Amino acid sequence: MEKVAIVGCGAYMDSGYGCPGEWRCLKAAALGDGKIENPSQVIAFVKCECPGRSLASNMGMAMKLSEMKPDKIYLSSCLANAAPGCPYSSAEEMATILENKTGIPVTLGTHDYH
């Protein structure tokens, strides 16, 4: 089973703007639905907190504490498709930072649930 880490938008999750929390991402991982092609084990769920400076280090800490390295990292659909978007960084920029820091491929989005 593939091991994955998910990064959610803390502002969206905390304020309820179309994302009541991580349940849709976890459902997509469990079922292998949406952008997550196969049922997967979520080994880390990291909230990106504005302005996002600690995202890469928080992902590194999650991997260190879990003592597992994910096969893939997913930027949640609420982060990748946010409207309005993040005023600090685009999803593409965040993905590049995470890929460069961890060496793990990053996918934009997790699910297509509405």
PDB file of N, CA and C in Angstrom:
ATOM      1  N   MET A   1       0.848  -1.170   0.000  1.00  0.00           N
ATOM      2  CA  MET A   1       0.000   0.000   0.000  1.00  0.00           C
ATOM      3  C   MET A   1       0.899   1.240   0.000  1.00  0.00           C
ATOM      4  N   GLU A   2       0.553   2.185  -0.826  1.00  0.00           N
ATOM      5  CA  GLU A   2       1.328   3.417  -0.911  1.00  0.00           C
ATOM      6  C   GLU A   2       1.131   4.264   0.347  1.00  0.00           C
ATOM      7  N   LYS A   3       2.225   4.880   0.791  1.00  0.00           N
ATOM      8  CA  LYS A   3       2.170   5.782   1.941  1.00  0.00           C
ATOM      9  C   LYS A   3       2.157   7.212   1.415  1.00  0.00           C
ATOM     10  N   VAL A   4       1.236   8.030   1.937  1.00  0.00           N
ATOM     11  CA  VAL A   4       1.110   9.410   1.464  1.00  0.00           C
ATOM     12  C   VAL A   4       1.074  10.382   2.636  1.00  0.00           C
ATOM     13  N   ALA A   5       1.481  11.612   2.334  1.00  0.00           N
ATOM     14  CA  ALA A   5       1.326  12.731   3.260  1.00  0.00           C
ATOM     15  C   ALA A   5       0.438  13.746   2.563  1.00  0.00           C
ATOM     16  N   ILE A   6      -0.390  14.422   3.337  1.00  0.00           N
ATOM     17  CA  ILE A   6      -1.312  15.424   2.796  1.00  0.00           C
ATOM     18  C   ILE A   6      -1.055  16.746   3.491  1.00  0.00           C
ATOM     19  N   VAL A   7      -1.054  17.810   2.695  1.00  0.00           N
ATOM     20  CA  VAL A   7      -0.918  19.164   3.225  1.00  0.00           C
ATOM     21  C   VAL A   7      -2.238  19.877   2.995  1.00  0.00           C
ATOM     22  N   GLY A   8      -2.861  20.336   4.081  1.00  0.00           N
ATOM     23  CA  GLY A   8      -4.117  21.074   3.997  1.00  0.00           C
ATOM     24  C   GLY A   8      -3.900  22.552   4.250  1.00  0.00           C
ATOM     25  N   CYS A   9      -4.780  23.378   3.731  1.00  0.00           N
ATOM     26  CA  CYS A   9      -4.746  24.820   3.963  1.00  0.00           C
ATOM     27  C   CYS A   9      -5.354  25.101   5.335  1.00  0.00           C
ATOM     28  N   GLY A  10      -4.525  25.545   6.265  1.00  0.00           N
ATOM     29  CA  GLY A  10      -4.997  25.819   7.620  1.00  0.00           C
ATOM     30  C   GLY A  10      -6.086  26.864   7.671  1.00  0.00           C
ATOM     31  N   ALA A  11      -5.970  27.921   6.855  1.00  0.00           N
ATOM     32  CA  ALA A  11      -6.983  28.977   6.855  1.00  0.00           C
ATOM     33  C   ALA A  11      -8.333  28.436   6.404  1.00  0.00           C
ATOM     34  N   TYR A  12      -8.350  27.624   5.346  1.00  0.00           N
ATOM     35  CA  TYR A  12      -9.609  27.051   4.875  1.00  0.00           C
ATOM     36  C   TYR A  12     -10.174  26.068   5.890  1.00  0.00           C
ATOM     37  N   MET A  13      -9.318  25.231   6.438  1.00  0.00           N
ATOM     38  CA  MET A  13      -9.795  24.232   7.381  1.00  0.00           C
ATOM     39  C   MET A  13     -10.332  24.863   8.653  1.00  0.00           C
ATOM     40  N   ASP A  14      -9.649  25.875   9.151  1.00  0.00           N
ATOM     41  CA  ASP A  14     -10.063  26.500  10.406  1.00  0.00           C
ATOM     42  C   ASP A  14     -11.310  27.361  10.269  1.00  0.00           C
ATOM     43  N   SER A  15     -11.531  27.922   9.073  1.00  0.00           N
ATOM     44  CA  SER A  15     -12.664  28.824   8.914  1.00  0.00           C
ATOM     45  C   SER A  15     -13.855  28.162   8.239  1.00  0.00           C
ATOM     46  N   GLY A  16     -13.685  26.952   7.728  1.00  0.00           N
ATOM     47  CA  GLY A  16     -14.800  26.236   7.125  1.00  0.00           C
ATOM     48  C   GLY A  16     -15.161  26.672   5.723  1.00  0.00           C
ATOM     49  N   TYR A  17     -14.287  27.408   5.035  1.00  0.00           N
ATOM     50  CA  TYR A  17     -14.572  27.846   3.664  1.00  0.00           C
ATOM     51  C   TYR A  17     -14.528  26.676   2.697  1.00  0.00           C
ATOM     52  N   GLY A  18     -15.597  25.917   2.636  1.00  0.00           N
ATOM     53  CA  GLY A  18     -15.670  24.811   1.702  1.00  0.00           C
ATOM     54  C   GLY A  18     -14.912  23.577   2.145  1.00  0.00           C
ATOM     55  N   CYS A  19     -14.223  23.629   3.279  1.00  0.00           N
ATOM     56  CA  CYS A  19     -13.499  22.454   3.771  1.00  0.00           C
ATOM     57  C   CYS A  19     -13.743  22.344   5.269  1.00  0.00           C
ATOM     58  N   PRO A  20     -14.574  21.400   5.680  1.00  0.00           N
ATOM     59  CA  PRO A  20     -14.849  21.247   7.099  1.00  0.00           C
ATOM     60  C   PRO A  20     -13.716  20.574   7.853  1.00  0.00           C
ATOM     61  N   GLY A  21     -12.652  20.258   7.179  1.00  0.00           N
ATOM     62  CA  GLY A  21     -11.534  19.550   7.795  1.00  0.00           C
ATOM     63  C   GLY A  21     -10.998  18.540   6.829  1.00  0.00           C
ATOM     64  N   GLU A  22     -10.268  17.614   7.340  1.00  0.00           N
ATOM     65  CA  GLU A  22      -9.557  16.709   6.456  1.00  0.00           C
ATOM     66  C   GLU A  22     -10.348  15.483   6.022  1.00  0.00           C
ATOM     67  N   TRP A  23     -11.593  15.332   6.395  1.00  0.00           N
ATOM     68  CA  TRP A  23     -12.307  14.089   6.133  1.00  0.00           C
ATOM     69  C   TRP A  23     -12.379  13.733   4.658  1.00  0.00           C
ATOM     70  N   ARG A  24     -12.528  14.714   3.764  1.00  0.00           N
ATOM     71  CA  ARG A  24     -12.632  14.382   2.331  1.00  0.00           C
ATOM     72  C   ARG A  24     -11.298  13.871   1.795  1.00  0.00           C
ATOM     73  N   CYS A  25     -10.192  14.453   2.248  1.00  0.00           N
ATOM     74  CA  CYS A  25      -8.875  13.976   1.825  1.00  0.00           C
ATOM     75  C   CYS A  25      -8.635  12.561   2.341  1.00  0.00           C
ATOM     76  N   LEU A  26      -9.020  12.312   3.580  1.00  0.00           N
ATOM     77  CA  LEU A  26      -8.836  10.979   4.154  1.00  0.00           C
ATOM     78  C   LEU A  26      -9.704   9.946   3.442  1.00  0.00           C
ATOM     79  N   LYS A  27     -10.907  10.336   3.073  1.00  0.00           N
ATOM     80  CA  LYS A  27     -11.785   9.439   2.328  1.00  0.00           C
ATOM     81  C   LYS A  27     -11.175   9.105   0.973  1.00  0.00           C
ATOM     82  N   ALA A  28     -10.659  10.117   0.272  1.00  0.00           N
ATOM     83  CA  ALA A  28     -10.042   9.889  -1.035  1.00  0.00           C
ATOM     84  C   ALA A  28      -8.851   8.946  -0.911  1.00  0.00           C
ATOM     85  N   ALA A  29      -8.053   9.116   0.137  1.00  0.00           N
ATOM     86  CA  ALA A  29      -6.903   8.238   0.342  1.00  0.00           C
ATOM     87  C   ALA A  29      -7.360   6.800   0.636  1.00  0.00           C
ATOM     88  N   ALA A  30      -8.349   6.656   1.491  1.00  0.00           N
ATOM     89  CA  ALA A  30      -8.816   5.320   1.862  1.00  0.00           C
ATOM     90  C   ALA A  30      -9.400   4.568   0.668  1.00  0.00           C
ATOM     91  N   LEU A  31     -10.100   5.295  -0.206  1.00  0.00           N
ATOM     92  CA  LEU A  31     -10.761   4.660  -1.346  1.00  0.00           C
ATOM     93  C   LEU A  31      -9.911   4.635  -2.611  1.00  0.00           C
ATOM     94  N   GLY A  32      -8.825   5.418  -2.635  1.00  0.00           N
ATOM     95  CA  GLY A  32      -8.073   5.560  -3.876  1.00  0.00           C
ATOM     96  C   GLY A  32      -8.901   6.309  -4.888  1.00  0.00           C
ATOM     97  N   ASP A  33      -9.421   7.434  -4.482  1.00  0.00           N
ATOM     98  CA  ASP A  33     -10.368   8.212  -5.278  1.00  0.00           C
ATOM     99  C   ASP A  33      -9.750   9.554  -5.656  1.00  0.00           C
ATOM    100  N   GLY A  34     -10.259  10.178  -6.709  1.00  0.00           N
ATOM    101  CA  GLY A  34      -9.773  11.493  -7.116  1.00  0.00           C
ATOM    102  C   GLY A  34      -8.351  11.406  -7.620  1.00  0.00           C
ATOM    103  N   LYS A  35      -7.488  12.320  -7.169  1.00  0.00           N
ATOM    104  CA  LYS A  35      -6.088  12.349  -7.594  1.00  0.00           C
ATOM    105  C   LYS A  35      -5.271  11.230  -6.942  1.00  0.00           C
ATOM    106  N   ILE A  36      -5.786  10.657  -5.864  1.00  0.00           N
ATOM    107  CA  ILE A  36      -5.094   9.550  -5.189  1.00  0.00           C
ATOM    108  C   ILE A  36      -5.583   8.265  -5.856  1.00  0.00           C
ATOM    109  N   GLU A  37      -4.745   7.728  -6.733  1.00  0.00           N
ATOM    110  CA  GLU A  37      -5.184   6.681  -7.650  1.00  0.00           C
ATOM    111  C   GLU A  37      -5.440   5.326  -7.008  1.00  0.00           C
ATOM    112  N   ASN A  38      -4.773   5.039  -5.907  1.00  0.00           N
ATOM    113  CA  ASN A  38      -4.930   3.744  -5.251  1.00  0.00           C
ATOM    114  C   ASN A  38      -5.186   3.950  -3.766  1.00  0.00           C
ATOM    115  N   PRO A  39      -5.906   3.021  -3.118  1.00  0.00           N
ATOM    116  CA  PRO A  39      -6.060   3.137  -1.670  1.00  0.00           C
ATOM    117  C   PRO A  39      -4.676   3.303  -1.030  1.00  0.00           C
ATOM    118  N   SER A  40      -4.564   4.269  -0.139  1.00  0.00           N
ATOM    119  CA  SER A  40      -3.272   4.643   0.422  1.00  0.00           C
ATOM    120  C   SER A  40      -3.356   4.834   1.927  1.00  0.00           C
ATOM    121  N   GLN A  41      -2.217   4.659   2.569  1.00  0.00           N
ATOM    122  CA  GLN A  41      -2.103   4.889   4.008  1.00  0.00           C
ATOM    123  C   GLN A  41      -1.607   6.313   4.224  1.00  0.00           C
ATOM    124  N   VAL A  42      -2.378   7.118   4.937  1.00  0.00           N
ATOM    125  CA  VAL A  42      -1.962   8.481   5.254  1.00  0.00           C
ATOM    126  C   VAL A  42      -1.060   8.415   6.481  1.00  0.00           C
ATOM    127  N   ILE A  43       0.200   8.785   6.296  1.00  0.00           N
ATOM    128  CA  ILE A  43       1.144   8.732   7.409  1.00  0.00           C
ATOM    129  C   ILE A  43       1.400  10.105   8.015  1.00  0.00           C
ATOM    130  N   ALA A  44       0.951  11.167   7.333  1.00  0.00           N
ATOM    131  CA  ALA A  44       1.099  12.522   7.873  1.00  0.00           C
ATOM    132  C   ALA A  44       0.035  13.420   7.267  1.00  0.00           C
ATOM    133  N   PHE A  45      -0.506  14.297   8.094  1.00  0.00           N
ATOM    134  CA  PHE A  45      -1.426  15.338   7.623  1.00  0.00           C
ATOM    135  C   PHE A  45      -0.920  16.638   8.238  1.00  0.00           C
ATOM    136  N   VAL A  46      -0.394  17.513   7.398  1.00  0.00           N
ATOM    137  CA  VAL A  46       0.225  18.749   7.849  1.00  0.00           C
ATOM    138  C   VAL A  46      -0.642  19.916   7.411  1.00  0.00           C
ATOM    139  N   LYS A  47      -0.931  20.818   8.347  1.00  0.00           N
ATOM    140  CA  LYS A  47      -1.665  22.040   8.010  1.00  0.00           C
ATOM    141  C   LYS A  47      -0.661  23.127   7.645  1.00  0.00           C
ATOM    142  N   CYS A  48      -0.864  23.742   6.492  1.00  0.00           N
ATOM    143  CA  CYS A  48      -0.047  24.887   6.116  1.00  0.00           C
ATOM    144  C   CYS A  48      -0.604  26.096   6.864  1.00  0.00           C
ATOM    145  N   GLU A  49       0.230  26.742   7.618  1.00  0.00           N
ATOM    146  CA  GLU A  49      -0.193  27.913   8.385  1.00  0.00           C
ATOM    147  C   GLU A  49       0.396  29.167   7.748  1.00  0.00           C
ATOM    148  N   CYS A  50      -0.425  30.191   7.580  1.00  0.00           N
ATOM    149  CA  CYS A  50       0.004  31.443   6.954  1.00  0.00           C
ATOM    150  C   CYS A  50       1.187  32.037   7.715  1.00  0.00           C
ATOM    151  N   PRO A  51       2.185  32.523   7.028  1.00  0.00           N
ATOM    152  CA  PRO A  51       2.359  32.662   5.577  1.00  0.00           C
ATOM    153  C   PRO A  51       3.042  31.485   4.897  1.00  0.00           C
ATOM    154  N   GLY A  52       3.138  30.337   5.524  1.00  0.00           N
ATOM    155  CA  GLY A  52       3.664  29.144   4.878  1.00  0.00           C
ATOM    156  C   GLY A  52       5.156  28.930   5.012  1.00  0.00           C
ATOM    157  N   ARG A  53       5.834  29.783   5.743  1.00  0.00           N
ATOM    158  CA  ARG A  53       7.293  29.656   5.869  1.00  0.00           C
ATOM    159  C   ARG A  53       7.730  28.341   6.499  1.00  0.00           C
ATOM    160  N   SER A  54       6.909  27.774   7.353  1.00  0.00           N
ATOM    161  CA  SER A  54       7.311  26.558   8.071  1.00  0.00           C
ATOM    162  C   SER A  54       6.823  25.277   7.400  1.00  0.00           C
ATOM    163  N   LEU A  55       6.231  25.370   6.217  1.00  0.00           N
ATOM    164  CA  LEU A  55       5.638  24.195   5.584  1.00  0.00           C
ATOM    165  C   LEU A  55       6.659  23.078   5.358  1.00  0.00           C
ATOM    166  N   ALA A  56       7.777  23.390   4.749  1.00  0.00           N
ATOM    167  CA  ALA A  56       8.777  22.346   4.455  1.00  0.00           C
ATOM    168  C   ALA A  56       9.357  21.766   5.737  1.00  0.00           C
ATOM    169  N   SER A  57       9.651  22.622   6.714  1.00  0.00           N
ATOM    170  CA  SER A  57      10.210  22.095   7.965  1.00  0.00           C
ATOM    171  C   SER A  57       9.171  21.288   8.738  1.00  0.00           C
ATOM    172  N   ASN A  58       7.901  21.695   8.686  1.00  0.00           N
ATOM    173  CA  ASN A  58       6.850  20.920   9.351  1.00  0.00           C
ATOM    174  C   ASN A  58       6.675  19.554   8.691  1.00  0.00           C
ATOM    175  N   MET A  59       6.781  19.496   7.363  1.00  0.00           N
ATOM    176  CA  MET A  59       6.692  18.200   6.676  1.00  0.00           C
ATOM    177  C   MET A  59       7.884  17.340   7.075  1.00  0.00           C
ATOM    178  N   GLY A  60       9.070  17.935   7.145  1.00  0.00           N
ATOM    179  CA  GLY A  60      10.251  17.189   7.583  1.00  0.00           C
ATOM    180  C   GLY A  60      10.090  16.652   8.984  1.00  0.00           C
ATOM    181  N   MET A  61       9.525  17.454   9.868  1.00  0.00           N
ATOM    182  CA  MET A  61       9.303  17.016  11.246  1.00  0.00           C
ATOM    183  C   MET A  61       8.263  15.898  11.302  1.00  0.00           C
ATOM    184  N   ALA A  62       7.207  15.996  10.508  1.00  0.00           N
ATOM    185  CA  ALA A  62       6.190  14.942  10.475  1.00  0.00           C
ATOM    186  C   ALA A  62       6.809  13.623  10.034  1.00  0.00           C
ATOM    187  N   MET A  63       7.682  13.678   9.037  1.00  0.00           N
ATOM    188  CA  MET A  63       8.341  12.453   8.571  1.00  0.00           C
ATOM    189  C   MET A  63       9.293  11.916   9.633  1.00  0.00           C
ATOM    190  N   LYS A  64       9.997  12.805  10.299  1.00  0.00           N
ATOM    191  CA  LYS A  64      10.937  12.371  11.336  1.00  0.00           C
ATOM    192  C   LYS A  64      10.196  11.724  12.505  1.00  0.00           C
ATOM    193  N   LEU A  65       9.129  12.365  12.971  1.00  0.00           N
ATOM    194  CA  LEU A  65       8.402  11.843  14.124  1.00  0.00           C
ATOM    195  C   LEU A  65       7.648  10.560  13.815  1.00  0.00           C
ATOM    196  N   SER A  66       7.122  10.449  12.588  1.00  0.00           N
ATOM    197  CA  SER A  66       6.406   9.223  12.221  1.00  0.00           C
ATOM    198  C   SER A  66       7.373   8.099  11.878  1.00  0.00           C
ATOM    199  N   GLU A  67       8.634   8.471  11.646  1.00  0.00           N
ATOM    200  CA  GLU A  67       9.664   7.513  11.254  1.00  0.00           C
ATOM    201  C   GLU A  67       9.292   6.776   9.975  1.00  0.00           C
ATOM    202  N   MET A  68       8.556   7.487   9.094  1.00  0.00           N
ATOM    203  CA  MET A  68       8.162   6.938   7.800  1.00  0.00           C
ATOM    204  C   MET A  68       8.320   8.021   6.744  1.00  0.00           C
ATOM    205  N   LYS A  69       8.704   7.604   5.566  1.00  0.00           N
ATOM    206  CA  LYS A  69       8.813   8.527   4.445  1.00  0.00           C
ATOM    207  C   LYS A  69       7.684   8.221   3.470  1.00  0.00           C
ATOM    208  N   PRO A  70       6.870   9.233   3.150  1.00  0.00           N
ATOM    209  CA  PRO A  70       5.774   8.972   2.213  1.00  0.00           C
ATOM    210  C   PRO A  70       6.298   8.734   0.802  1.00  0.00           C
ATOM    211  N   ASP A  71       5.528   7.981   0.033  1.00  0.00           N
ATOM    212  CA  ASP A  71       5.847   7.773  -1.380  1.00  0.00           C
ATOM    213  C   ASP A  71       5.476   9.003  -2.190  1.00  0.00           C
ATOM    214  N   LYS A  72       4.423   9.694  -1.750  1.00  0.00           N
ATOM    215  CA  LYS A  72       3.946  10.910  -2.426  1.00  0.00           C
ATOM    216  C   LYS A  72       3.427  11.889  -1.387  1.00  0.00           C
ATOM    217  N   ILE A  73       3.471  13.158  -1.762  1.00  0.00           N
ATOM    218  CA  ILE A  73       2.855  14.219  -0.967  1.00  0.00           C
ATOM    219  C   ILE A  73       1.754  14.826  -1.826  1.00  0.00           C
ATOM    220  N   TYR A  74       0.605  15.050  -1.210  1.00  0.00           N
ATOM    221  CA  TYR A  74      -0.517  15.676  -1.904  1.00  0.00           C
ATOM    222  C   TYR A  74      -0.839  17.012  -1.248  1.00  0.00           C
ATOM    223  N   LEU A  75      -0.960  18.061  -2.057  1.00  0.00           N
ATOM    224  CA  LEU A  75      -1.511  19.309  -1.564  1.00  0.00           C
ATOM    225  C   LEU A  75      -3.015  19.148  -1.666  1.00  0.00           C
ATOM    226  N   SER A  76      -3.723  19.328  -0.572  1.00  0.00           N
ATOM    227  CA  SER A  76      -5.163  19.082  -0.535  1.00  0.00           C
ATOM    228  C   SER A  76      -5.882  19.905  -1.597  1.00  0.00           C
ATOM    229  N   SER A  77      -7.060  19.453  -1.956  1.00  0.00           N
ATOM    230  CA  SER A  77      -7.847  20.187  -2.944  1.00  0.00           C
ATOM    231  C   SER A  77      -8.179  21.589  -2.463  1.00  0.00           C
ATOM    232  N   CYS A  78      -8.395  21.760  -1.136  1.00  0.00           N
ATOM    233  CA  CYS A  78      -8.713  23.100  -0.623  1.00  0.00           C
ATOM    234  C   CYS A  78      -7.506  24.025  -0.736  1.00  0.00           C
ATOM    235  N   LEU A  79      -6.318  23.485  -0.705  1.00  0.00           N
ATOM    236  CA  LEU A  79      -5.118  24.303  -0.866  1.00  0.00           C
ATOM    237  C   LEU A  79      -4.821  24.527  -2.348  1.00  0.00           C
ATOM    238  N   ALA A  80      -4.877  23.486  -3.146  1.00  0.00           N
ATOM    239  CA  ALA A  80      -4.518  23.585  -4.561  1.00  0.00           C
ATOM    240  C   ALA A  80      -5.537  24.370  -5.378  1.00  0.00           C
ATOM    241  N   ASN A  81      -6.809  24.338  -4.972  1.00  0.00           N
ATOM    242  CA  ASN A  81      -7.869  24.967  -5.758  1.00  0.00           C
ATOM    243  C   ASN A  81      -8.542  26.121  -5.026  1.00  0.00           C
ATOM    244  N   ALA A  82      -7.881  26.679  -4.035  1.00  0.00           N
ATOM    245  CA  ALA A  82      -8.489  27.725  -3.212  1.00  0.00           C
ATOM    246  C   ALA A  82      -8.904  28.935  -4.050  1.00  0.00           C
ATOM    247  N   ALA A  83     -10.076  29.449  -3.748  1.00  0.00           N
ATOM    248  CA  ALA A  83     -10.549  30.682  -4.378  1.00  0.00           C
ATOM    249  C   ALA A  83     -11.180  31.530  -3.285  1.00  0.00           C
ATOM    250  N   PRO A  84     -10.614  32.637  -2.896  1.00  0.00           N
ATOM    251  CA  PRO A  84      -9.380  33.198  -3.455  1.00  0.00           C
ATOM    252  C   PRO A  84      -8.177  32.362  -3.048  1.00  0.00           C
ATOM    253  N   GLY A  85      -7.145  32.453  -3.876  1.00  0.00           N
ATOM    254  CA  GLY A  85      -5.927  31.686  -3.647  1.00  0.00           C
ATOM    255  C   GLY A  85      -5.112  32.241  -2.492  1.00  0.00           C
ATOM    256  N   CYS A  86      -4.094  31.514  -2.149  1.00  0.00           N
ATOM    257  CA  CYS A  86      -3.187  31.923  -1.080  1.00  0.00           C
ATOM    258  C   CYS A  86      -2.498  33.228  -1.464  1.00  0.00           C
ATOM    259  N   PRO A  87      -2.518  34.228  -0.582  1.00  0.00           N
ATOM    260  CA  PRO A  87      -1.867  35.500  -0.911  1.00  0.00           C
ATOM    261  C   PRO A  87      -0.345  35.439  -0.773  1.00  0.00           C
ATOM    262  N   TYR A  88       0.182  34.354  -0.251  1.00  0.00           N
ATOM    263  CA  TYR A  88       1.613  34.255   0.015  1.00  0.00           C
ATOM    264  C   TYR A  88       2.372  33.419  -1.004  1.00  0.00           C
ATOM    265  N   SER A  89       1.746  32.369  -1.516  1.00  0.00           N
ATOM    266  CA  SER A  89       2.450  31.455  -2.408  1.00  0.00           C
ATOM    267  C   SER A  89       1.437  30.658  -3.221  1.00  0.00           C
ATOM    268  N   SER A  90       1.783  30.339  -4.454  1.00  0.00           N
ATOM    269  CA  SER A  90       0.897  29.500  -5.259  1.00  0.00           C
ATOM    270  C   SER A  90       1.109  28.031  -4.881  1.00  0.00           C
ATOM    271  N   ALA A  91       0.133  27.208  -5.222  1.00  0.00           N
ATOM    272  CA  ALA A  91       0.253  25.776  -4.959  1.00  0.00           C
ATOM    273  C   ALA A  91       1.462  25.202  -5.701  1.00  0.00           C
ATOM    274  N   GLU A  92       1.710  25.698  -6.888  1.00  0.00           N
ATOM    275  CA  GLU A  92       2.853  25.231  -7.666  1.00  0.00           C
ATOM    276  C   GLU A  92       4.171  25.570  -6.962  1.00  0.00           C
ATOM    277  N   GLU A  93       4.257  26.766  -6.396  1.00  0.00           N
ATOM    278  CA  GLU A  93       5.463  27.149  -5.655  1.00  0.00           C
ATOM    279  C   GLU A  93       5.645  26.277  -4.416  1.00  0.00           C
ATOM    280  N   MET A  94       4.550  26.019  -3.701  1.00  0.00           N
ATOM    281  CA  MET A  94       4.626  25.158  -2.520  1.00  0.00           C
ATOM    282  C   MET A  94       5.075  23.751  -2.902  1.00  0.00           C
ATOM    283  N   ALA A  95       4.534  23.242  -4.016  1.00  0.00           N
ATOM    284  CA  ALA A  95       4.915  21.905  -4.471  1.00  0.00           C
ATOM    285  C   ALA A  95       6.400  21.846  -4.801  1.00  0.00           C
ATOM    286  N   THR A  96       6.904  22.863  -5.462  1.00  0.00           N
ATOM    287  CA  THR A  96       8.328  22.902  -5.814  1.00  0.00           C
ATOM    288  C   THR A  96       9.199  22.940  -4.568  1.00  0.00           C
ATOM    289  N   ILE A  97       8.816  23.746  -3.592  1.00  0.00           N
ATOM    290  CA  ILE A  97       9.577  23.828  -2.336  1.00  0.00           C
ATOM    291  C   ILE A  97       9.611  22.468  -1.650  1.00  0.00           C
ATOM    292  N   LEU A  98       8.452  21.814  -1.548  1.00  0.00           N
ATOM    293  CA  LEU A  98       8.393  20.509  -0.885  1.00  0.00           C
ATOM    294  C   LEU A  98       9.191  19.451  -1.642  1.00  0.00           C
ATOM    295  N   GLU A  99       9.073  19.441  -2.964  1.00  0.00           N
ATOM    296  CA  GLU A  99       9.825  18.467  -3.758  1.00  0.00           C
ATOM    297  C   GLU A  99      11.330  18.679  -3.594  1.00  0.00           C
ATOM    298  N   ASN A 100      11.759  19.942  -3.636  1.00  0.00           N
ATOM    299  CA  ASN A 100      13.189  20.233  -3.489  1.00  0.00           C
ATOM    300  C   ASN A 100      13.699  19.865  -2.105  1.00  0.00           C
ATOM    301  N   LYS A 101      12.900  20.082  -1.078  1.00  0.00           N
ATOM    302  CA  LYS A 101      13.315  19.813   0.304  1.00  0.00           C
ATOM    303  C   LYS A 101      13.316  18.319   0.627  1.00  0.00           C
ATOM    304  N   THR A 102      12.290  17.613   0.130  1.00  0.00           N
ATOM    305  CA  THR A 102      12.112  16.215   0.525  1.00  0.00           C
ATOM    306  C   THR A 102      12.547  15.195  -0.523  1.00  0.00           C
ATOM    307  N   GLY A 103      12.564  15.603  -1.789  1.00  0.00           N
ATOM    308  CA  GLY A 103      12.834  14.662  -2.865  1.00  0.00           C
ATOM    309  C   GLY A 103      11.646  13.771  -3.188  1.00  0.00           C
ATOM    310  N   ILE A 104      10.483  14.111  -2.662  1.00  0.00           N
ATOM    311  CA  ILE A 104       9.265  13.314  -2.850  1.00  0.00           C
ATOM    312  C   ILE A 104       8.353  14.033  -3.842  1.00  0.00           C
ATOM    313  N   PRO A 105       7.779  13.313  -4.814  1.00  0.00           N
ATOM    314  CA  PRO A 105       6.882  13.969  -5.772  1.00  0.00           C
ATOM    315  C   PRO A 105       5.632  14.516  -5.078  1.00  0.00           C
ATOM    316  N   VAL A 106       5.195  15.683  -5.527  1.00  0.00           N
ATOM    317  CA  VAL A 106       4.023  16.349  -4.960  1.00  0.00           C
ATOM    318  C   VAL A 106       2.944  16.466  -6.032  1.00  0.00           C
ATOM    319  N   THR A 107       1.718  16.110  -5.670  1.00  0.00           N
ATOM    320  CA  THR A 107       0.572  16.206  -6.551  1.00  0.00           C
ATOM    321  C   THR A 107      -0.352  17.319  -6.060  1.00  0.00           C
ATOM    322  N   LEU A 108      -0.871  18.100  -6.976  1.00  0.00           N
ATOM    323  CA  LEU A 108      -1.802  19.184  -6.626  1.00  0.00           C
ATOM    324  C   LEU A 108      -3.221  18.637  -6.589  1.00  0.00           C
ATOM    325  N   GLY A 109      -3.818  18.616  -5.426  1.00  0.00           N
ATOM    326  CA  GLY A 109      -5.189  18.162  -5.243  1.00  0.00           C
ATOM    327  C   GLY A 109      -5.262  16.732  -4.734  1.00  0.00           C
ATOM    328  N   THR A 110      -6.368  16.448  -4.055  1.00  0.00           N
ATOM    329  CA  THR A 110      -6.592  15.114  -3.513  1.00  0.00           C
ATOM    330  C   THR A 110      -7.880  14.493  -4.026  1.00  0.00           C
ATOM    331  N   HIS A 111      -8.946  15.256  -4.081  1.00  0.00           N
ATOM    332  CA  HIS A 111     -10.265  14.702  -4.403  1.00  0.00           C
ATOM    333  C   HIS A 111     -11.051  15.670  -5.276  1.00  0.00           C
ATOM    334  N   ASP A 112     -12.184  15.147  -5.789  1.00  0.00           N
ATOM    335  CA  ASP A 112     -13.084  15.963  -6.603  1.00  0.00           C
ATOM    336  C   ASP A 112     -14.453  16.095  -5.940  1.00  0.00           C
ATOM    337  N   TYR A 113     -14.539  15.825  -4.642  1.00  0.00           N
ATOM    338  CA  TYR A 113     -15.816  15.919  -3.940  1.00  0.00           C
ATOM    339  C   TYR A 113     -16.235  17.380  -3.819  1.00  0.00           C
ATOM    340  N   HIS A 114     -17.520  17.599  -3.814  1.00  0.00           N
ATOM    341  CA  HIS A 114     -18.039  18.971  -3.669  1.00  0.00           C
ATOM    342  C   HIS A 114     -18.794  19.132  -2.394  1.00  0.00           C
TER     343      HIS A 114
END
